[in-house]
Structure formats: C-alpha cells, structure tokens
Amino acid sequence: MANRTGSQNTKHSGINTTFIGAVFLGICILIAGLNIGGNIKKLNKTLSEKDMASTQSVNVPSEMNIANKTYLTEDEAGAYLNLPTEKIVNLITSGEITEYVKTETGYSISVSVLDAWFDNEAYQTKLKSKAVQDTPAETAAE
C-alpha cells in the first residue's frame, strides 16, 4: 500500500512541474513579445522622425549664396524664410512687405526687411499664443 501512495504523489508532482513549466514558458513568450513590440514602435518612431526631418529641410543651392546677399529675389526670399514663393509674392502684393524693388524678372527684397517681417510675425504669434493661454484663466476667474 505504501508503494501505491508513493506513485500517486510522483504522478501528481509531475503534473505540477509541467504546469509550472508551461506557465513560465508562456510568461517568457509574453515578455519577449512585448519587448519586440516596444522595439518595433521605437524603430517606427525613429524612422518617421527621420522622414519628417528630411522633408522639412530646405535645400538651398550653394550658388545662391544667400548669406552674402543684401537683396533677394522672391524665390531666394522664400528659401530664406522657408516659405513658398507664392507666399512672398502675396506678402508684397497685399502690402505686408512694403519695401521692395520691382524688377523686369520679379521682385528684389532686402534681407533686413525680410528679417524685420519675420521677427514681427514671430512676435505676433507669441502674442496670440499668450492670449489663447490667458483667455481660459480669465473666464474661469469670472
């Protein structure tokens, strides 16, 4: 009889170790899957950031030599301010940029005028941003 009880304990013990081994293996597979998934997300984020950086950069040909010029054409001004050429022409025709020279081939604009316009736009954007941030606080106080 002692023999029979001993064999039942061994069989019961074998089921427990198999079950524990299967649970352990499952946990390892789950951790590995999460790790791989996290690495894939990081890789996708890195690749999309590289794509964004490459699409947002402006390639100015070296022959333009904008840094050494005092006056720029509307194409050069667009490259200088990272704006489309059409936007530069619209700024001139709408009167936002008032200091320019009309030439046979287009417009020539002083770099200092472009810098002043850009600084003003940055200042106006900052004011608008601050006004938006301040508005909810004032509404809540009333």
N, C-alpha and C. Protein backbone atom coordinates (compact mmCIF):
# COMPACT_ATOMS: atom_id res chain seq x y z
N MET A 1 0.80 -1.18 0.00
CA MET A 1 0.00 0.00 0.00
C MET A 1 0.87 1.27 0.00
N ALA A 2 1.96 1.22 0.68
CA ALA A 2 2.85 2.37 0.73
C ALA A 2 3.41 2.65 -0.66
N ASN A 3 3.56 1.57 -1.41
CA ASN A 3 4.07 1.73 -2.76
C ASN A 3 3.11 2.49 -3.65
N ARG A 4 1.84 2.18 -3.52
CA ARG A 4 0.82 2.81 -4.34
C ARG A 4 0.70 4.30 -4.03
N THR A 5 0.72 4.69 -2.79
CA THR A 5 0.63 6.10 -2.40
C THR A 5 1.83 6.87 -2.95
N GLY A 6 2.99 6.27 -2.92
CA GLY A 6 4.20 6.93 -3.42
C GLY A 6 4.10 7.20 -4.90
N SER A 7 3.50 6.29 -5.68
CA SER A 7 3.40 6.51 -7.12
C SER A 7 2.38 7.60 -7.44
N GLN A 8 1.34 7.72 -6.61
CA GLN A 8 0.36 8.79 -6.84
C GLN A 8 0.99 10.16 -6.57
N ASN A 9 1.80 10.28 -5.56
CA ASN A 9 2.48 11.54 -5.25
C ASN A 9 3.43 11.95 -6.38
N THR A 10 4.10 10.96 -6.96
CA THR A 10 5.02 11.25 -8.04
C THR A 10 4.26 11.73 -9.27
N LYS A 11 3.14 11.09 -9.58
CA LYS A 11 2.35 11.48 -10.73
C LYS A 11 1.77 12.88 -10.52
N HIS A 12 1.23 13.14 -9.36
CA HIS A 12 0.65 14.44 -9.04
C HIS A 12 1.72 15.53 -9.08
N SER A 13 2.90 15.21 -8.60
CA SER A 13 4.02 16.15 -8.59
C SER A 13 4.46 16.45 -10.02
N GLY A 14 4.42 15.46 -10.93
CA GLY A 14 4.80 15.64 -12.31
C GLY A 14 3.86 16.59 -13.05
N ILE A 15 2.60 16.56 -12.76
CA ILE A 15 1.62 17.46 -13.38
C ILE A 15 1.91 18.90 -12.94
N ASN A 16 2.25 19.09 -11.70
CA ASN A 16 2.52 20.44 -11.20
C ASN A 16 3.76 21.03 -11.85
N THR A 17 4.81 20.25 -12.02
CA THR A 17 6.02 20.80 -12.64
C THR A 17 5.78 21.09 -14.12
N THR A 18 5.00 20.26 -14.78
CA THR A 18 4.68 20.51 -16.19
C THR A 18 3.85 21.80 -16.31
N PHE A 19 2.87 21.95 -15.44
CA PHE A 19 2.04 23.14 -15.45
C PHE A 19 2.86 24.39 -15.15
N ILE A 20 3.72 24.30 -14.16
CA ILE A 20 4.57 25.45 -13.80
C ILE A 20 5.51 25.77 -14.95
N GLY A 21 6.06 24.76 -15.59
CA GLY A 21 6.94 24.98 -16.74
C GLY A 21 6.20 25.65 -17.89
N ALA A 22 4.96 25.22 -18.15
CA ALA A 22 4.17 25.81 -19.23
C ALA A 22 3.84 27.27 -18.92
N VAL A 23 3.49 27.58 -17.67
CA VAL A 23 3.19 28.95 -17.27
C VAL A 23 4.45 29.81 -17.41
N PHE A 24 5.57 29.29 -16.97
CA PHE A 24 6.84 30.02 -17.08
C PHE A 24 7.17 30.29 -18.54
N LEU A 25 7.01 29.29 -19.40
CA LEU A 25 7.27 29.46 -20.82
C LEU A 25 6.33 30.50 -21.42
N GLY A 26 5.07 30.46 -21.04
CA GLY A 26 4.10 31.46 -21.52
C GLY A 26 4.48 32.87 -21.11
N ILE A 27 4.91 33.02 -19.88
CA ILE A 27 5.34 34.34 -19.39
C ILE A 27 6.56 34.83 -20.17
N CYS A 28 7.50 33.94 -20.43
CA CYS A 28 8.69 34.31 -21.21
C CYS A 28 8.32 34.75 -22.62
N ILE A 29 7.40 34.03 -23.25
CA ILE A 29 6.95 34.39 -24.60
C ILE A 29 6.25 35.74 -24.58
N LEU A 30 5.43 35.99 -23.57
CA LEU A 30 4.73 37.26 -23.44
C LEU A 30 5.71 38.42 -23.27
N ILE A 31 6.70 38.24 -22.41
CA ILE A 31 7.71 39.29 -22.18
C ILE A 31 8.50 39.54 -23.47
N ALA A 32 8.88 38.48 -24.16
CA ALA A 32 9.62 38.64 -25.42
C ALA A 32 8.78 39.37 -26.45
N GLY A 33 7.50 39.03 -26.55
CA GLY A 33 6.61 39.69 -27.49
C GLY A 33 6.46 41.17 -27.19
N LEU A 34 6.30 41.50 -25.93
CA LEU A 34 6.19 42.91 -25.54
C LEU A 34 7.48 43.66 -25.84
N ASN A 35 8.60 43.02 -25.58
CA ASN A 35 9.89 43.64 -25.85
C ASN A 35 10.07 43.90 -27.35
N ILE A 36 9.73 42.93 -28.16
CA ILE A 36 9.84 43.09 -29.62
C ILE A 36 8.87 44.17 -30.09
N GLY A 37 7.63 44.15 -29.57
CA GLY A 37 6.65 45.16 -29.95
C GLY A 37 7.11 46.56 -29.59
N GLY A 38 7.70 46.73 -28.42
CA GLY A 38 8.21 48.03 -28.00
C GLY A 38 9.35 48.50 -28.89
N ASN A 39 10.22 47.57 -29.26
CA ASN A 39 11.34 47.92 -30.14
C ASN A 39 10.85 48.30 -31.53
N ILE A 40 9.80 47.63 -32.00
CA ILE A 40 9.24 47.97 -33.31
C ILE A 40 8.64 49.38 -33.27
N LYS A 41 7.94 49.72 -32.19
CA LYS A 41 7.38 51.06 -32.05
C LYS A 41 8.49 52.11 -32.03
N LYS A 42 9.58 51.83 -31.29
CA LYS A 42 10.70 52.77 -31.25
C LYS A 42 11.31 52.94 -32.63
N LEU A 43 11.45 51.84 -33.35
CA LEU A 43 12.02 51.88 -34.69
C LEU A 43 11.13 52.69 -35.62
N ASN A 44 9.81 52.46 -35.58
CA ASN A 44 8.88 53.22 -36.42
C ASN A 44 8.93 54.70 -36.09
N LYS A 45 9.01 55.03 -34.80
CA LYS A 45 9.08 56.44 -34.39
C LYS A 45 10.36 57.08 -34.91
N THR A 46 11.47 56.38 -34.78
CA THR A 46 12.75 56.89 -35.26
C THR A 46 12.71 57.10 -36.76
N LEU A 47 12.17 56.13 -37.49
CA LEU A 47 12.10 56.25 -38.94
C LEU A 47 11.19 57.40 -39.36
N SER A 48 10.05 57.58 -38.67
CA SER A 48 9.15 58.67 -39.04
C SER A 48 9.77 60.02 -38.70
N GLU A 49 10.54 60.10 -37.60
CA GLU A 49 11.22 61.35 -37.27
C GLU A 49 12.27 61.68 -38.32
N LYS A 50 12.97 60.67 -38.81
CA LYS A 50 13.97 60.91 -39.86
C LYS A 50 13.28 61.37 -41.14
N ASP A 51 12.12 60.75 -41.47
CA ASP A 51 11.38 61.16 -42.65
C ASP A 51 10.91 62.60 -42.52
N MET A 52 10.40 62.97 -41.34
CA MET A 52 9.93 64.34 -41.11
C MET A 52 11.08 65.31 -41.23
N ALA A 53 12.22 64.96 -40.67
CA ALA A 53 13.38 65.87 -40.72
C ALA A 53 13.84 66.06 -42.16
N SER A 54 13.81 65.02 -42.94
CA SER A 54 14.28 65.15 -44.31
C SER A 54 13.29 65.92 -45.18
N THR A 55 11.99 65.85 -44.89
CA THR A 55 11.01 66.56 -45.70
C THR A 55 10.89 68.02 -45.30
N GLN A 56 11.29 68.37 -44.09
CA GLN A 56 11.14 69.73 -43.63
C GLN A 56 12.37 70.59 -43.88
N SER A 57 13.43 69.99 -44.34
CA SER A 57 14.63 70.77 -44.57
C SER A 57 14.55 71.44 -45.94
N VAL A 58 15.14 72.59 -46.04
CA VAL A 58 15.16 73.33 -47.29
C VAL A 58 16.54 73.18 -47.90
N ASN A 59 16.57 72.75 -49.10
CA ASN A 59 17.83 72.61 -49.81
C ASN A 59 18.06 73.85 -50.65
N VAL A 60 18.96 74.69 -50.21
CA VAL A 60 19.29 75.90 -50.94
C VAL A 60 20.58 75.63 -51.70
N PRO A 61 20.54 75.75 -53.01
CA PRO A 61 21.75 75.51 -53.78
C PRO A 61 22.87 76.45 -53.35
N SER A 62 24.08 75.95 -53.34
CA SER A 62 25.21 76.75 -52.87
C SER A 62 25.47 77.96 -53.76
N GLU A 63 25.07 77.88 -55.04
CA GLU A 63 25.31 79.03 -55.91
C GLU A 63 24.44 80.23 -55.55
N MET A 64 23.37 80.00 -54.77
CA MET A 64 22.52 81.13 -54.34
C MET A 64 23.29 82.02 -53.37
N ASN A 65 24.06 81.43 -52.50
CA ASN A 65 24.89 82.18 -51.56
C ASN A 65 24.09 83.29 -50.85
N ILE A 66 22.95 82.92 -50.30
CA ILE A 66 22.04 83.88 -49.67
C ILE A 66 22.71 84.63 -48.54
N ALA A 67 23.56 84.00 -47.81
CA ALA A 67 24.17 84.62 -46.64
C ALA A 67 24.97 85.87 -47.00
N ASN A 68 25.50 85.93 -48.21
CA ASN A 68 26.34 87.07 -48.62
C ASN A 68 25.57 88.14 -49.38
N LYS A 69 24.27 87.94 -49.60
CA LYS A 69 23.50 88.89 -50.39
C LYS A 69 22.78 89.90 -49.50
N THR A 70 22.57 91.08 -50.05
CA THR A 70 21.81 92.12 -49.36
C THR A 70 20.37 92.11 -49.82
N TYR A 71 20.14 91.81 -51.11
CA TYR A 71 18.80 91.74 -51.69
C TYR A 71 18.57 90.35 -52.27
N LEU A 72 17.34 89.88 -52.13
CA LEU A 72 17.00 88.53 -52.61
C LEU A 72 15.82 88.61 -53.56
N THR A 73 15.79 87.69 -54.52
CA THR A 73 14.61 87.55 -55.38
C THR A 73 13.51 86.90 -54.55
N GLU A 74 12.29 86.86 -55.08
CA GLU A 74 11.21 86.23 -54.31
C GLU A 74 11.46 84.75 -54.09
N ASP A 75 12.12 84.08 -55.04
CA ASP A 75 12.47 82.66 -54.85
C ASP A 75 13.47 82.50 -53.71
N GLU A 76 14.49 83.34 -53.73
CA GLU A 76 15.52 83.29 -52.68
C GLU A 76 14.92 83.68 -51.33
N ALA A 77 14.03 84.67 -51.34
CA ALA A 77 13.38 85.09 -50.09
C ALA A 77 12.54 83.95 -49.53
N GLY A 78 11.86 83.22 -50.42
CA GLY A 78 11.08 82.07 -49.97
C GLY A 78 11.96 81.01 -49.33
N ALA A 79 13.10 80.74 -49.96
CA ALA A 79 14.04 79.76 -49.39
C ALA A 79 14.61 80.28 -48.07
N TYR A 80 14.89 81.57 -48.01
CA TYR A 80 15.47 82.18 -46.81
C TYR A 80 14.51 82.07 -45.62
N LEU A 81 13.22 82.32 -45.86
CA LEU A 81 12.23 82.28 -44.78
C LEU A 81 11.51 80.93 -44.67
N ASN A 82 11.87 79.99 -45.54
CA ASN A 82 11.24 78.67 -45.57
C ASN A 82 9.74 78.82 -45.85
N LEU A 83 9.42 79.66 -46.82
CA LEU A 83 8.04 79.89 -47.26
C LEU A 83 7.96 79.66 -48.77
N PRO A 84 6.78 79.32 -49.27
CA PRO A 84 6.64 79.19 -50.72
C PRO A 84 6.81 80.56 -51.40
N THR A 85 7.29 80.55 -52.61
CA THR A 85 7.48 81.78 -53.37
C THR A 85 6.16 82.54 -53.50
N GLU A 86 5.06 81.80 -53.68
CA GLU A 86 3.75 82.44 -53.81
C GLU A 86 3.40 83.25 -52.57
N LYS A 87 3.78 82.76 -51.41
CA LYS A 87 3.52 83.48 -50.15
C LYS A 87 4.30 84.80 -50.12
N ILE A 88 5.53 84.80 -50.60
CA ILE A 88 6.33 86.02 -50.64
C ILE A 88 5.67 87.04 -51.57
N VAL A 89 5.25 86.58 -52.74
CA VAL A 89 4.59 87.49 -53.69
C VAL A 89 3.29 88.02 -53.08
N ASN A 90 2.53 87.17 -52.40
CA ASN A 90 1.29 87.61 -51.74
C ASN A 90 1.58 88.64 -50.65
N LEU A 91 2.65 88.47 -49.90
CA LEU A 91 3.01 89.44 -48.87
C LEU A 91 3.32 90.80 -49.48
N ILE A 92 3.94 90.80 -50.65
CA ILE A 92 4.27 92.06 -51.33
C ILE A 92 3.00 92.69 -51.89
N THR A 93 2.21 91.91 -52.61
CA THR A 93 1.02 92.46 -53.25
C THR A 93 -0.06 92.87 -52.24
N SER A 94 -0.09 92.23 -51.08
CA SER A 94 -1.08 92.61 -50.06
C SER A 94 -0.60 93.80 -49.22
N GLY A 95 0.67 94.16 -49.34
CA GLY A 95 1.18 95.32 -48.61
C GLY A 95 1.80 94.99 -47.27
N GLU A 96 1.92 93.70 -46.93
CA GLU A 96 2.56 93.35 -45.67
C GLU A 96 4.06 93.62 -45.72
N ILE A 97 4.65 93.40 -46.89
CA ILE A 97 6.05 93.79 -47.11
C ILE A 97 5.99 94.98 -48.07
N THR A 98 6.40 96.14 -47.58
CA THR A 98 6.24 97.37 -48.36
C THR A 98 7.54 97.85 -49.00
N GLU A 99 8.65 97.33 -48.55
CA GLU A 99 9.94 97.79 -49.08
C GLU A 99 10.51 96.71 -49.99
N TYR A 100 10.45 96.97 -51.27
CA TYR A 100 10.95 96.04 -52.28
C TYR A 100 11.23 96.83 -53.55
N VAL A 101 11.86 96.18 -54.50
CA VAL A 101 12.11 96.78 -55.80
C VAL A 101 11.50 95.85 -56.84
N LYS A 102 10.66 96.42 -57.71
CA LYS A 102 10.07 95.64 -58.80
C LYS A 102 11.06 95.67 -59.96
N THR A 103 11.48 94.48 -60.39
CA THR A 103 12.42 94.39 -61.50
C THR A 103 11.73 93.77 -62.70
N GLU A 104 12.45 93.64 -63.80
CA GLU A 104 11.88 93.03 -65.01
C GLU A 104 11.54 91.55 -64.79
N THR A 105 12.27 90.90 -63.90
CA THR A 105 12.07 89.46 -63.68
C THR A 105 11.27 89.15 -62.41
N GLY A 106 10.93 90.14 -61.62
CA GLY A 106 10.18 89.87 -60.38
C GLY A 106 10.45 90.95 -59.35
N TYR A 107 10.65 90.52 -58.12
CA TYR A 107 10.86 91.44 -57.02
C TYR A 107 12.23 91.19 -56.39
N SER A 108 12.81 92.27 -55.84
CA SER A 108 14.01 92.16 -55.02
C SER A 108 13.66 92.74 -53.66
N ILE A 109 13.96 91.99 -52.61
CA ILE A 109 13.61 92.39 -51.26
C ILE A 109 14.86 92.37 -50.42
N SER A 110 15.02 93.37 -49.59
CA SER A 110 16.17 93.46 -48.69
C SER A 110 16.09 92.37 -47.62
N VAL A 111 17.22 91.79 -47.30
CA VAL A 111 17.28 90.77 -46.25
C VAL A 111 16.85 91.37 -44.91
N SER A 112 17.20 92.61 -44.65
CA SER A 112 16.82 93.25 -43.39
C SER A 112 15.30 93.44 -43.32
N VAL A 113 14.64 93.70 -44.44
CA VAL A 113 13.18 93.82 -44.47
C VAL A 113 12.55 92.46 -44.18
N LEU A 114 13.09 91.42 -44.77
CA LEU A 114 12.59 90.07 -44.53
C LEU A 114 12.77 89.68 -43.06
N ASP A 115 13.93 90.01 -42.50
CA ASP A 115 14.18 89.72 -41.09
C ASP A 115 13.19 90.46 -40.19
N ALA A 116 12.94 91.73 -40.50
CA ALA A 116 12.00 92.53 -39.70
C ALA A 116 10.59 91.95 -39.80
N TRP A 117 10.18 91.56 -41.01
CA TRP A 117 8.85 90.97 -41.18
C TRP A 117 8.75 89.67 -40.38
N PHE A 118 9.77 88.84 -40.48
CA PHE A 118 9.76 87.55 -39.78
C PHE A 118 9.73 87.75 -38.27
N ASP A 119 10.54 88.69 -37.77
CA ASP A 119 10.54 88.98 -36.33
C ASP A 119 9.16 89.45 -35.88
N ASN A 120 8.50 90.29 -36.68
CA ASN A 120 7.17 90.77 -36.35
C ASN A 120 6.17 89.61 -36.32
N GLU A 121 6.25 88.72 -37.30
CA GLU A 121 5.36 87.56 -37.35
C GLU A 121 5.57 86.67 -36.13
N ALA A 122 6.81 86.46 -35.75
CA ALA A 122 7.12 85.65 -34.57
C ALA A 122 6.56 86.31 -33.32
N TYR A 123 6.68 87.63 -33.22
CA TYR A 123 6.16 88.37 -32.07
C TYR A 123 4.63 88.28 -32.03
N GLN A 124 3.98 88.44 -33.19
CA GLN A 124 2.52 88.36 -33.24
C GLN A 124 2.04 86.95 -32.87
N THR A 125 2.76 85.94 -33.33
CA THR A 125 2.41 84.56 -32.98
C THR A 125 2.54 84.34 -31.48
N LYS A 126 3.58 84.90 -30.90
CA LYS A 126 3.78 84.78 -29.45
C LYS A 126 2.64 85.47 -28.70
N LEU A 127 2.24 86.66 -29.17
CA LEU A 127 1.13 87.38 -28.52
C LEU A 127 -0.18 86.60 -28.62
N LYS A 128 -0.46 86.04 -29.81
CA LYS A 128 -1.67 85.24 -30.00
C LYS A 128 -1.65 84.01 -29.10
N SER A 129 -0.51 83.37 -29.01
CA SER A 129 -0.36 82.18 -28.18
C SER A 129 -0.60 82.52 -26.71
N LYS A 130 -0.06 83.64 -26.27
CA LYS A 130 -0.23 84.07 -24.88
C LYS A 130 -1.68 84.43 -24.62
N ALA A 131 -2.34 85.08 -25.57
CA ALA A 131 -3.75 85.46 -25.42
C ALA A 131 -4.63 84.22 -25.30
N VAL A 132 -4.32 83.19 -26.08
CA VAL A 132 -5.09 81.95 -26.00
C VAL A 132 -4.89 81.28 -24.65
N GLN A 133 -3.66 81.33 -24.13
CA GLN A 133 -3.38 80.72 -22.83
C GLN A 133 -4.03 81.51 -21.71
N ASP A 134 -4.09 82.84 -21.82
CA ASP A 134 -4.66 83.68 -20.76
C ASP A 134 -6.18 83.68 -20.77
N THR A 135 -6.82 83.49 -21.90
CA THR A 135 -8.27 83.56 -22.01
C THR A 135 -8.99 82.56 -21.10
N PRO A 136 -8.66 81.28 -21.08
CA PRO A 136 -9.38 80.35 -20.19
C PRO A 136 -9.23 80.71 -18.72
N ALA A 137 -8.09 81.24 -18.33
CA ALA A 137 -7.88 81.60 -16.93
C ALA A 137 -8.78 82.76 -16.55
N GLU A 138 -8.93 83.75 -17.43
CA GLU A 138 -9.79 84.89 -17.14
C GLU A 138 -11.24 84.47 -17.08
N THR A 139 -11.65 83.57 -17.97
CA THR A 139 -13.02 83.08 -17.99
C THR A 139 -13.33 82.34 -16.71
N ALA A 140 -12.41 81.54 -16.23
CA ALA A 140 -12.63 80.77 -15.01
C ALA A 140 -12.71 81.68 -13.81
N ALA A 141 -11.98 82.80 -13.81
CA ALA A 141 -11.98 83.72 -12.67
C ALA A 141 -13.29 84.47 -12.57
N GLU A 142 -13.99 84.69 -13.68
CA GLU A 142 -15.25 85.43 -13.69
C GLU A 142 -16.31 84.54 -13.19
